[in-house]
Amino acid sequence: MTLQLEDEQAQKLPFDYEELAKQVIDQVLGMEECPYESEVSLTLTDNTKIRQLNREFRKIDKPTDVLSFPLVDFQKPADYDLLESDGWEVYFNPESGELMLGDIVISIERASEQAREYGHSLKREYAFLIAHSMLHLLGYDHMISEEAAVMEQKQAAVLKKLNITREGE
């Protein structure tokens, strides 16, 4: 797995954010039985920048915690069969051969605010946001309650497996 990481925000994080991102991404890919080596882009930013992106791409003019930009148009979540059909090669990096899943953008500023609001660590919030976004990159959504319940269960399973829980921090 390749993680392309950009940190364009000012806050110093009290944990190894690159290593944690890799652990969460690997856990999601394993849980979702991804048969391919994969590539993910992660950008850490602030509320100003994520607000601009949110306005541009979602037409919502306010900061958000995380944005996900999937590159693969999964018909069903984590259904890798489409990658075997004609035209599948566009989803793979021609240099590395890795499946290009997409981009995750996290506002560390907003994640810090949420961690305080929810009463848990920034590390837990950061890991949660990456797990959440990875599920989006694999085709999951939470627009209806049944989908939301599936995502919530999967996010909790990833964090539990990595021992990143609200209680066990």
N, C-alpha and C. Protein backbone atom coordinates (compact mmCIF):
# COMPACT_ATOMS: atom_id res chain seq x y z
N MET A 1 0.85 -1.18 0.00
CA MET A 1 0.00 0.00 0.00
C MET A 1 0.89 1.23 0.00
N THR A 2 0.51 2.17 -0.86
CA THR A 2 1.23 3.44 -0.91
C THR A 2 0.33 4.53 -0.37
N LEU A 3 0.87 5.31 0.56
CA LEU A 3 0.17 6.47 1.09
C LEU A 3 0.91 7.70 0.63
N GLN A 4 0.22 8.53 -0.14
CA GLN A 4 0.77 9.83 -0.52
C GLN A 4 0.22 10.84 0.48
N LEU A 5 1.10 11.39 1.30
CA LEU A 5 0.68 12.24 2.42
C LEU A 5 1.19 13.66 2.24
N GLU A 6 0.28 14.61 2.40
CA GLU A 6 0.64 16.03 2.42
C GLU A 6 0.10 16.64 3.69
N ASP A 7 0.95 17.34 4.42
CA ASP A 7 0.53 18.03 5.64
C ASP A 7 0.68 19.52 5.38
N GLU A 8 -0.45 20.18 5.11
CA GLU A 8 -0.42 21.61 4.79
C GLU A 8 -1.07 22.46 5.88
N GLN A 9 -1.07 21.93 7.09
CA GLN A 9 -1.65 22.66 8.23
C GLN A 9 -0.57 22.85 9.29
N ALA A 10 -0.85 23.70 10.28
CA ALA A 10 0.18 24.13 11.22
C ALA A 10 0.24 23.34 12.52
N GLN A 11 -0.82 22.62 12.86
CA GLN A 11 -0.88 21.97 14.17
C GLN A 11 0.05 20.78 14.25
N LYS A 12 0.84 20.72 15.32
CA LYS A 12 1.69 19.55 15.56
C LYS A 12 0.84 18.46 16.20
N LEU A 13 0.87 17.28 15.61
CA LEU A 13 0.06 16.18 16.11
C LEU A 13 0.86 15.36 17.13
N PRO A 14 0.22 14.94 18.23
CA PRO A 14 0.92 14.24 19.31
C PRO A 14 1.05 12.73 19.08
N PHE A 15 1.04 12.31 17.84
CA PHE A 15 1.19 10.89 17.50
C PHE A 15 1.76 10.81 16.09
N ASP A 16 2.22 9.64 15.71
CA ASP A 16 2.78 9.44 14.37
C ASP A 16 1.62 9.30 13.39
N TYR A 17 1.21 10.42 12.83
CA TYR A 17 0.01 10.44 11.99
C TYR A 17 0.18 9.67 10.68
N GLU A 18 1.38 9.59 10.16
CA GLU A 18 1.59 8.81 8.94
C GLU A 18 1.45 7.32 9.22
N GLU A 19 2.09 6.85 10.28
CA GLU A 19 2.01 5.44 10.64
C GLU A 19 0.58 5.04 10.99
N LEU A 20 -0.12 5.88 11.74
CA LEU A 20 -1.49 5.58 12.11
C LEU A 20 -2.38 5.52 10.87
N ALA A 21 -2.19 6.44 9.95
CA ALA A 21 -2.98 6.42 8.70
C ALA A 21 -2.76 5.11 7.96
N LYS A 22 -1.51 4.68 7.86
CA LYS A 22 -1.21 3.42 7.17
C LYS A 22 -1.88 2.24 7.87
N GLN A 23 -1.85 2.22 9.20
CA GLN A 23 -2.47 1.13 9.95
C GLN A 23 -3.97 1.07 9.70
N VAL A 24 -4.62 2.22 9.74
CA VAL A 24 -6.07 2.26 9.54
C VAL A 24 -6.42 1.85 8.11
N ILE A 25 -5.70 2.39 7.15
CA ILE A 25 -5.95 2.07 5.74
C ILE A 25 -5.76 0.57 5.51
N ASP A 26 -4.65 0.02 6.01
CA ASP A 26 -4.40 -1.42 5.84
C ASP A 26 -5.51 -2.25 6.50
N GLN A 27 -5.97 -1.83 7.66
CA GLN A 27 -7.02 -2.57 8.36
C GLN A 27 -8.31 -2.56 7.55
N VAL A 28 -8.68 -1.41 7.00
CA VAL A 28 -9.90 -1.33 6.18
C VAL A 28 -9.75 -2.19 4.93
N LEU A 29 -8.61 -2.08 4.26
CA LEU A 29 -8.40 -2.87 3.04
C LEU A 29 -8.45 -4.37 3.34
N GLY A 30 -7.89 -4.78 4.46
CA GLY A 30 -7.94 -6.19 4.85
C GLY A 30 -9.35 -6.63 5.19
N MET A 31 -10.04 -5.82 5.95
CA MET A 31 -11.41 -6.14 6.34
C MET A 31 -12.32 -6.25 5.11
N GLU A 32 -12.06 -5.40 4.13
CA GLU A 32 -12.88 -5.39 2.91
C GLU A 32 -12.32 -6.30 1.82
N GLU A 33 -11.32 -7.09 2.18
CA GLU A 33 -10.74 -8.11 1.31
C GLU A 33 -10.34 -7.56 -0.05
N CYS A 34 -9.67 -6.43 -0.03
CA CYS A 34 -9.18 -5.85 -1.28
C CYS A 34 -8.06 -6.73 -1.82
N PRO A 35 -8.22 -7.26 -3.03
CA PRO A 35 -7.23 -8.19 -3.57
C PRO A 35 -6.03 -7.50 -4.24
N TYR A 36 -6.00 -6.18 -4.21
CA TYR A 36 -4.97 -5.42 -4.92
C TYR A 36 -4.13 -4.59 -3.97
N GLU A 37 -2.87 -4.42 -4.32
CA GLU A 37 -2.07 -3.40 -3.66
C GLU A 37 -2.72 -2.07 -4.05
N SER A 38 -2.82 -1.15 -3.10
CA SER A 38 -3.59 0.07 -3.33
C SER A 38 -2.81 1.31 -3.01
N GLU A 39 -3.32 2.41 -3.54
CA GLU A 39 -2.72 3.73 -3.34
C GLU A 39 -3.81 4.68 -2.86
N VAL A 40 -3.48 5.46 -1.82
CA VAL A 40 -4.41 6.44 -1.27
C VAL A 40 -3.64 7.74 -1.06
N SER A 41 -4.30 8.84 -1.35
CA SER A 41 -3.74 10.16 -1.10
C SER A 41 -4.44 10.76 0.12
N LEU A 42 -3.65 11.28 1.06
CA LEU A 42 -4.19 11.89 2.28
C LEU A 42 -3.59 13.28 2.43
N THR A 43 -4.46 14.26 2.55
CA THR A 43 -4.03 15.64 2.79
C THR A 43 -4.58 16.10 4.12
N LEU A 44 -3.69 16.62 4.96
CA LEU A 44 -4.09 17.22 6.23
C LEU A 44 -4.11 18.72 6.03
N THR A 45 -5.23 19.34 6.39
CA THR A 45 -5.40 20.76 6.12
C THR A 45 -6.09 21.43 7.30
N ASP A 46 -6.54 22.67 7.07
CA ASP A 46 -7.21 23.43 8.12
C ASP A 46 -8.64 23.76 7.68
N ASN A 47 -9.38 24.45 8.54
CA ASN A 47 -10.79 24.75 8.24
C ASN A 47 -10.96 25.65 7.03
N THR A 48 -10.05 26.59 6.82
CA THR A 48 -10.17 27.50 5.68
C THR A 48 -10.11 26.74 4.36
N LYS A 49 -9.12 25.88 4.23
CA LYS A 49 -8.93 25.13 2.99
C LYS A 49 -10.06 24.12 2.78
N ILE A 50 -10.45 23.40 3.83
CA ILE A 50 -11.49 22.39 3.64
C ILE A 50 -12.84 23.06 3.36
N ARG A 51 -13.03 24.25 3.89
CA ARG A 51 -14.26 24.99 3.58
C ARG A 51 -14.30 25.33 2.09
N GLN A 52 -13.17 25.74 1.53
CA GLN A 52 -13.11 26.03 0.10
C GLN A 52 -13.43 24.78 -0.72
N LEU A 53 -12.86 23.66 -0.34
CA LEU A 53 -13.13 22.41 -1.06
C LEU A 53 -14.58 21.99 -0.91
N ASN A 54 -15.12 22.12 0.29
CA ASN A 54 -16.51 21.75 0.54
C ASN A 54 -17.45 22.62 -0.30
N ARG A 55 -17.14 23.90 -0.39
CA ARG A 55 -17.95 24.81 -1.19
C ARG A 55 -17.85 24.44 -2.68
N GLU A 56 -16.64 24.18 -3.13
CA GLU A 56 -16.42 23.87 -4.55
C GLU A 56 -17.04 22.54 -4.97
N PHE A 57 -16.88 21.51 -4.15
CA PHE A 57 -17.30 20.18 -4.58
C PHE A 57 -18.66 19.74 -4.06
N ARG A 58 -19.12 20.31 -2.95
CA ARG A 58 -20.40 19.89 -2.38
C ARG A 58 -21.41 21.02 -2.30
N LYS A 59 -20.97 22.23 -2.68
CA LYS A 59 -21.85 23.42 -2.62
C LYS A 59 -22.32 23.71 -1.20
N ILE A 60 -21.48 23.36 -0.21
CA ILE A 60 -21.76 23.63 1.20
C ILE A 60 -20.67 24.57 1.70
N ASP A 61 -21.06 25.79 2.04
CA ASP A 61 -20.08 26.82 2.39
C ASP A 61 -19.80 26.84 3.89
N LYS A 62 -19.21 25.76 4.38
CA LYS A 62 -18.78 25.71 5.77
C LYS A 62 -17.69 24.63 5.89
N PRO A 63 -16.87 24.74 6.93
CA PRO A 63 -15.85 23.71 7.12
C PRO A 63 -16.49 22.38 7.47
N THR A 64 -15.82 21.31 7.13
CA THR A 64 -16.25 19.97 7.50
C THR A 64 -15.02 19.23 8.03
N ASP A 65 -15.23 18.06 8.58
CA ASP A 65 -14.11 17.32 9.15
C ASP A 65 -13.29 16.59 8.10
N VAL A 66 -13.97 15.98 7.13
CA VAL A 66 -13.27 15.16 6.15
C VAL A 66 -14.03 15.15 4.83
N LEU A 67 -13.29 15.10 3.76
CA LEU A 67 -13.86 14.94 2.42
C LEU A 67 -13.19 13.73 1.78
N SER A 68 -13.98 12.97 1.06
CA SER A 68 -13.49 11.79 0.35
C SER A 68 -13.74 11.97 -1.13
N PHE A 69 -12.72 11.65 -1.93
CA PHE A 69 -12.83 11.76 -3.38
C PHE A 69 -12.47 10.41 -4.00
N PRO A 70 -13.46 9.51 -4.12
CA PRO A 70 -13.17 8.19 -4.68
C PRO A 70 -12.84 8.27 -6.17
N LEU A 71 -11.92 7.44 -6.60
CA LEU A 71 -11.59 7.35 -8.02
C LEU A 71 -12.29 6.19 -8.70
N VAL A 72 -12.64 5.17 -7.94
CA VAL A 72 -13.29 3.98 -8.50
C VAL A 72 -14.81 4.11 -8.29
N ASP A 73 -15.56 3.89 -9.37
CA ASP A 73 -17.02 3.93 -9.29
C ASP A 73 -17.57 2.55 -8.98
N PHE A 74 -17.46 2.16 -7.71
CA PHE A 74 -17.97 0.86 -7.29
C PHE A 74 -19.49 0.84 -7.46
N GLN A 75 -20.02 -0.20 -8.11
CA GLN A 75 -21.47 -0.36 -8.24
C GLN A 75 -22.07 -0.81 -6.92
N LYS A 76 -21.34 -1.68 -6.22
CA LYS A 76 -21.69 -2.13 -4.88
C LYS A 76 -20.43 -1.96 -4.04
N PRO A 77 -20.58 -1.65 -2.76
CA PRO A 77 -19.39 -1.45 -1.92
C PRO A 77 -18.41 -2.61 -1.98
N ALA A 78 -17.14 -2.26 -2.18
CA ALA A 78 -16.04 -3.22 -2.16
C ALA A 78 -16.28 -4.40 -3.10
N ASP A 79 -16.97 -4.16 -4.21
CA ASP A 79 -17.18 -5.20 -5.22
C ASP A 79 -16.13 -5.01 -6.31
N TYR A 80 -15.07 -5.77 -6.21
CA TYR A 80 -13.90 -5.58 -7.06
C TYR A 80 -14.07 -6.19 -8.45
N ASP A 81 -15.21 -6.84 -8.71
CA ASP A 81 -15.44 -7.48 -10.01
C ASP A 81 -15.35 -6.47 -11.16
N LEU A 82 -15.79 -5.26 -10.94
CA LEU A 82 -15.77 -4.27 -12.03
C LEU A 82 -14.35 -3.99 -12.49
N LEU A 83 -13.38 -4.23 -11.64
CA LEU A 83 -11.99 -3.98 -12.01
C LEU A 83 -11.45 -5.01 -12.98
N GLU A 84 -12.22 -6.06 -13.21
CA GLU A 84 -11.82 -7.10 -14.17
C GLU A 84 -12.47 -6.91 -15.53
N SER A 85 -13.32 -5.89 -15.66
CA SER A 85 -14.01 -5.66 -16.92
C SER A 85 -13.19 -4.77 -17.84
N ASP A 86 -13.66 -4.60 -19.08
CA ASP A 86 -12.97 -3.74 -20.03
C ASP A 86 -12.82 -2.33 -19.48
N GLY A 87 -11.67 -1.75 -19.67
CA GLY A 87 -11.42 -0.40 -19.22
C GLY A 87 -10.94 -0.31 -17.79
N TRP A 88 -10.78 -1.45 -17.12
CA TRP A 88 -10.38 -1.47 -15.71
C TRP A 88 -9.03 -0.84 -15.46
N GLU A 89 -8.16 -0.85 -16.46
CA GLU A 89 -6.80 -0.39 -16.25
C GLU A 89 -6.71 1.09 -15.86
N VAL A 90 -7.76 1.87 -16.13
CA VAL A 90 -7.73 3.29 -15.76
C VAL A 90 -7.69 3.48 -14.24
N TYR A 91 -8.06 2.48 -13.49
CA TYR A 91 -8.07 2.57 -12.03
C TYR A 91 -6.72 2.22 -11.40
N PHE A 92 -5.77 1.81 -12.21
CA PHE A 92 -4.48 1.38 -11.69
C PHE A 92 -3.37 2.33 -12.12
N ASN A 93 -2.46 2.60 -11.19
CA ASN A 93 -1.31 3.44 -11.47
C ASN A 93 -0.41 2.71 -12.47
N PRO A 94 -0.17 3.30 -13.64
CA PRO A 94 0.63 2.60 -14.66
C PRO A 94 2.07 2.35 -14.22
N GLU A 95 2.58 3.14 -13.29
CA GLU A 95 3.96 2.96 -12.83
C GLU A 95 4.08 1.89 -11.76
N SER A 96 3.17 1.90 -10.79
CA SER A 96 3.29 0.97 -9.66
C SER A 96 2.38 -0.25 -9.80
N GLY A 97 1.34 -0.15 -10.64
CA GLY A 97 0.37 -1.23 -10.76
C GLY A 97 -0.65 -1.24 -9.64
N GLU A 98 -0.57 -0.27 -8.71
CA GLU A 98 -1.49 -0.23 -7.57
C GLU A 98 -2.85 0.35 -7.96
N LEU A 99 -3.87 -0.14 -7.29
CA LEU A 99 -5.23 0.37 -7.45
C LEU A 99 -5.30 1.75 -6.82
N MET A 100 -5.66 2.75 -7.60
CA MET A 100 -5.76 4.13 -7.10
C MET A 100 -7.17 4.34 -6.56
N LEU A 101 -7.29 4.33 -5.24
CA LEU A 101 -8.61 4.41 -4.62
C LEU A 101 -9.15 5.84 -4.53
N GLY A 102 -8.29 6.81 -4.31
CA GLY A 102 -8.76 8.19 -4.26
C GLY A 102 -8.07 9.01 -3.20
N ASP A 103 -8.71 10.13 -2.88
CA ASP A 103 -8.13 11.14 -2.00
C ASP A 103 -8.98 11.34 -0.76
N ILE A 104 -8.29 11.55 0.35
CA ILE A 104 -8.92 11.89 1.62
C ILE A 104 -8.33 13.23 2.05
N VAL A 105 -9.20 14.16 2.45
CA VAL A 105 -8.75 15.45 2.97
C VAL A 105 -9.36 15.62 4.35
N ILE A 106 -8.50 15.82 5.35
CA ILE A 106 -8.95 15.97 6.73
C ILE A 106 -8.57 17.36 7.25
N SER A 107 -9.53 18.04 7.84
CA SER A 107 -9.23 19.27 8.56
C SER A 107 -8.81 18.88 9.97
N ILE A 108 -7.53 19.02 10.26
CA ILE A 108 -7.04 18.71 11.60
C ILE A 108 -7.64 19.68 12.61
N GLU A 109 -7.87 20.90 12.16
CA GLU A 109 -8.50 21.90 13.03
C GLU A 109 -9.90 21.43 13.46
N ARG A 110 -10.70 20.97 12.50
CA ARG A 110 -12.05 20.50 12.81
C ARG A 110 -12.01 19.19 13.59
N ALA A 111 -11.08 18.31 13.24
CA ALA A 111 -10.94 17.05 13.97
C ALA A 111 -10.60 17.31 15.43
N SER A 112 -9.77 18.30 15.70
CA SER A 112 -9.43 18.66 17.08
C SER A 112 -10.64 19.16 17.83
N GLU A 113 -11.44 19.99 17.17
CA GLU A 113 -12.66 20.51 17.78
C GLU A 113 -13.61 19.36 18.12
N GLN A 114 -13.77 18.43 17.18
CA GLN A 114 -14.68 17.29 17.39
C GLN A 114 -14.18 16.37 18.50
N ALA A 115 -12.88 16.16 18.56
CA ALA A 115 -12.34 15.31 19.62
C ALA A 115 -12.69 15.90 20.98
N ARG A 116 -12.56 17.20 21.12
CA ARG A 116 -12.94 17.86 22.39
C ARG A 116 -14.44 17.73 22.63
N GLU A 117 -15.24 17.96 21.60
CA GLU A 117 -16.70 17.87 21.74
C GLU A 117 -17.15 16.47 22.16
N TYR A 118 -16.52 15.46 21.58
CA TYR A 118 -16.92 14.07 21.84
C TYR A 118 -16.22 13.48 23.06
N GLY A 119 -15.24 14.19 23.60
CA GLY A 119 -14.56 13.72 24.79
C GLY A 119 -13.59 12.58 24.57
N HIS A 120 -12.97 12.55 23.41
CA HIS A 120 -11.93 11.54 23.17
C HIS A 120 -10.71 12.21 22.55
N SER A 121 -9.69 11.43 22.29
CA SER A 121 -8.42 11.98 21.81
C SER A 121 -8.47 12.36 20.34
N LEU A 122 -7.56 13.24 19.95
CA LEU A 122 -7.40 13.58 18.55
C LEU A 122 -6.96 12.35 17.75
N LYS A 123 -6.15 11.51 18.36
CA LYS A 123 -5.72 10.28 17.70
C LYS A 123 -6.93 9.42 17.32
N ARG A 124 -7.87 9.28 18.23
CA ARG A 124 -9.06 8.48 17.95
C ARG A 124 -9.90 9.13 16.85
N GLU A 125 -10.07 10.44 16.90
CA GLU A 125 -10.86 11.14 15.90
C GLU A 125 -10.21 11.01 14.52
N TYR A 126 -8.92 11.20 14.46
CA TYR A 126 -8.15 11.08 13.22
C TYR A 126 -8.31 9.68 12.62
N ALA A 127 -8.13 8.66 13.45
CA ALA A 127 -8.26 7.27 12.97
C ALA A 127 -9.68 7.01 12.48
N PHE A 128 -10.66 7.50 13.22
CA PHE A 128 -12.06 7.34 12.82
C PHE A 128 -12.31 7.98 11.45
N LEU A 129 -11.82 9.21 11.26
CA LEU A 129 -12.05 9.91 9.99
C LEU A 129 -11.40 9.19 8.81
N ILE A 130 -10.24 8.61 9.03
CA ILE A 130 -9.60 7.85 7.95
C ILE A 130 -10.40 6.58 7.66
N ALA A 131 -10.83 5.87 8.68
CA ALA A 131 -11.64 4.67 8.46
C ALA A 131 -12.92 5.03 7.71
N HIS A 132 -13.56 6.10 8.14
CA HIS A 132 -14.80 6.56 7.50
C HIS A 132 -14.55 6.87 6.02
N SER A 133 -13.50 7.61 5.75
CA SER A 133 -13.20 7.98 4.36
C SER A 133 -12.81 6.79 3.51
N MET A 134 -12.06 5.86 4.09
CA MET A 134 -11.67 4.67 3.34
C MET A 134 -12.90 3.89 2.90
N LEU A 135 -13.90 3.81 3.77
CA LEU A 135 -15.13 3.12 3.38
C LEU A 135 -15.81 3.86 2.23
N HIS A 136 -15.79 5.18 2.25
CA HIS A 136 -16.33 5.94 1.11
C HIS A 136 -15.53 5.62 -0.17
N LEU A 137 -14.20 5.55 -0.06
CA LEU A 137 -13.39 5.26 -1.24
C LEU A 137 -13.69 3.88 -1.80
N LEU A 138 -14.19 2.99 -0.96
CA LEU A 138 -14.55 1.63 -1.39
C LEU A 138 -16.03 1.50 -1.76
N GLY A 139 -16.73 2.63 -1.83
CA GLY A 139 -18.10 2.62 -2.33
C GLY A 139 -19.20 2.62 -1.30
N TYR A 140 -18.86 2.69 -0.03
CA TYR A 140 -19.88 2.74 1.02
C TYR A 140 -20.41 4.17 1.14
N ASP A 141 -21.65 4.28 1.61
CA ASP A 141 -22.25 5.58 1.84
C ASP A 141 -23.14 5.50 3.08
N HIS A 142 -23.67 6.65 3.49
CA HIS A 142 -24.52 6.68 4.68
C HIS A 142 -25.72 7.60 4.48
N MET A 143 -26.25 7.58 3.27
CA MET A 143 -27.39 8.45 2.94
C MET A 143 -28.70 7.93 3.52
N ILE A 144 -28.80 6.63 3.72
CA ILE A 144 -30.00 6.07 4.35
C ILE A 144 -29.57 5.32 5.61
N SER A 145 -30.50 5.11 6.52
CA SER A 145 -30.14 4.57 7.84
C SER A 145 -29.49 3.19 7.76
N GLU A 146 -29.92 2.35 6.82
CA GLU A 146 -29.33 1.02 6.71
C GLU A 146 -27.86 1.11 6.30
N GLU A 147 -27.56 1.99 5.35
CA GLU A 147 -26.17 2.20 4.93
C GLU A 147 -25.34 2.77 6.07
N ALA A 148 -25.90 3.72 6.79
CA ALA A 148 -25.20 4.35 7.91
C ALA A 148 -24.86 3.31 8.98
N ALA A 149 -25.79 2.41 9.25
CA ALA A 149 -25.55 1.38 10.26
C ALA A 149 -24.40 0.46 9.84
N VAL A 150 -24.33 0.12 8.57
CA VAL A 150 -23.24 -0.72 8.06
C VAL A 150 -21.91 -0.01 8.23
N MET A 151 -21.87 1.27 7.83
CA MET A 151 -20.62 2.03 7.96
C MET A 151 -20.20 2.16 9.42
N GLU A 152 -21.16 2.44 10.29
CA GLU A 152 -20.83 2.59 11.71
C GLU A 152 -20.24 1.30 12.28
N GLN A 153 -20.82 0.17 11.91
CA GLN A 153 -20.32 -1.12 12.40
C GLN A 153 -18.90 -1.36 11.89
N LYS A 154 -18.66 -1.08 10.64
CA LYS A 154 -17.35 -1.32 10.05
C LYS A 154 -16.29 -0.38 10.64
N GLN A 155 -16.65 0.89 10.83
CA GLN A 155 -15.73 1.85 11.44
C GLN A 155 -15.35 1.40 12.84
N ALA A 156 -16.35 1.00 13.62
CA ALA A 156 -16.10 0.54 14.99
C ALA A 156 -15.21 -0.70 14.99
N ALA A 157 -15.42 -1.60 14.06
CA ALA A 157 -14.62 -2.83 13.99
C ALA A 157 -13.16 -2.51 13.70
N VAL A 158 -12.92 -1.57 12.80
CA VAL A 158 -11.54 -1.18 12.46
C VAL A 158 -10.85 -0.60 13.69
N LEU A 159 -11.51 0.34 14.36
CA LEU A 159 -10.90 0.99 15.52
C LEU A 159 -10.68 -0.01 16.66
N LYS A 160 -11.62 -0.91 16.84
CA LYS A 160 -11.48 -1.92 17.90
C LYS A 160 -10.29 -2.84 17.61
N LYS A 161 -10.17 -3.26 16.36
CA LYS A 161 -9.07 -4.14 15.97
C LYS A 161 -7.71 -3.47 16.23
N LEU A 162 -7.66 -2.16 16.05
CA LEU A 162 -6.42 -1.41 16.29
C LEU A 162 -6.30 -0.92 17.73
N ASN A 163 -7.27 -1.30 18.55
CA ASN A 163 -7.33 -0.88 19.96
C ASN A 163 -7.34 0.64 20.11
N ILE A 164 -8.11 1.28 19.24
CA ILE A 164 -8.30 2.73 19.32
C ILE A 164 -9.76 2.97 19.64
N THR A 165 -10.05 2.93 20.92
CA THR A 165 -11.43 3.08 21.36
C THR A 165 -11.54 4.30 22.27
N ARG A 166 -12.74 4.72 22.51
CA ARG A 166 -12.94 5.86 23.42
C ARG A 166 -12.46 5.51 24.82
N GLU A 167 -12.67 4.26 25.23
CA GLU A 167 -12.30 3.85 26.58
C GLU A 167 -10.82 3.51 26.67
N GLY A 168 -10.25 2.90 25.62
CA GLY A 168 -8.91 2.34 25.70
C GLY A 168 -7.81 3.24 25.17
N GLU A 169 -8.01 4.54 25.28
CA GLU A 169 -6.99 5.42 24.70
C GLU A 169 -5.81 5.52 25.60
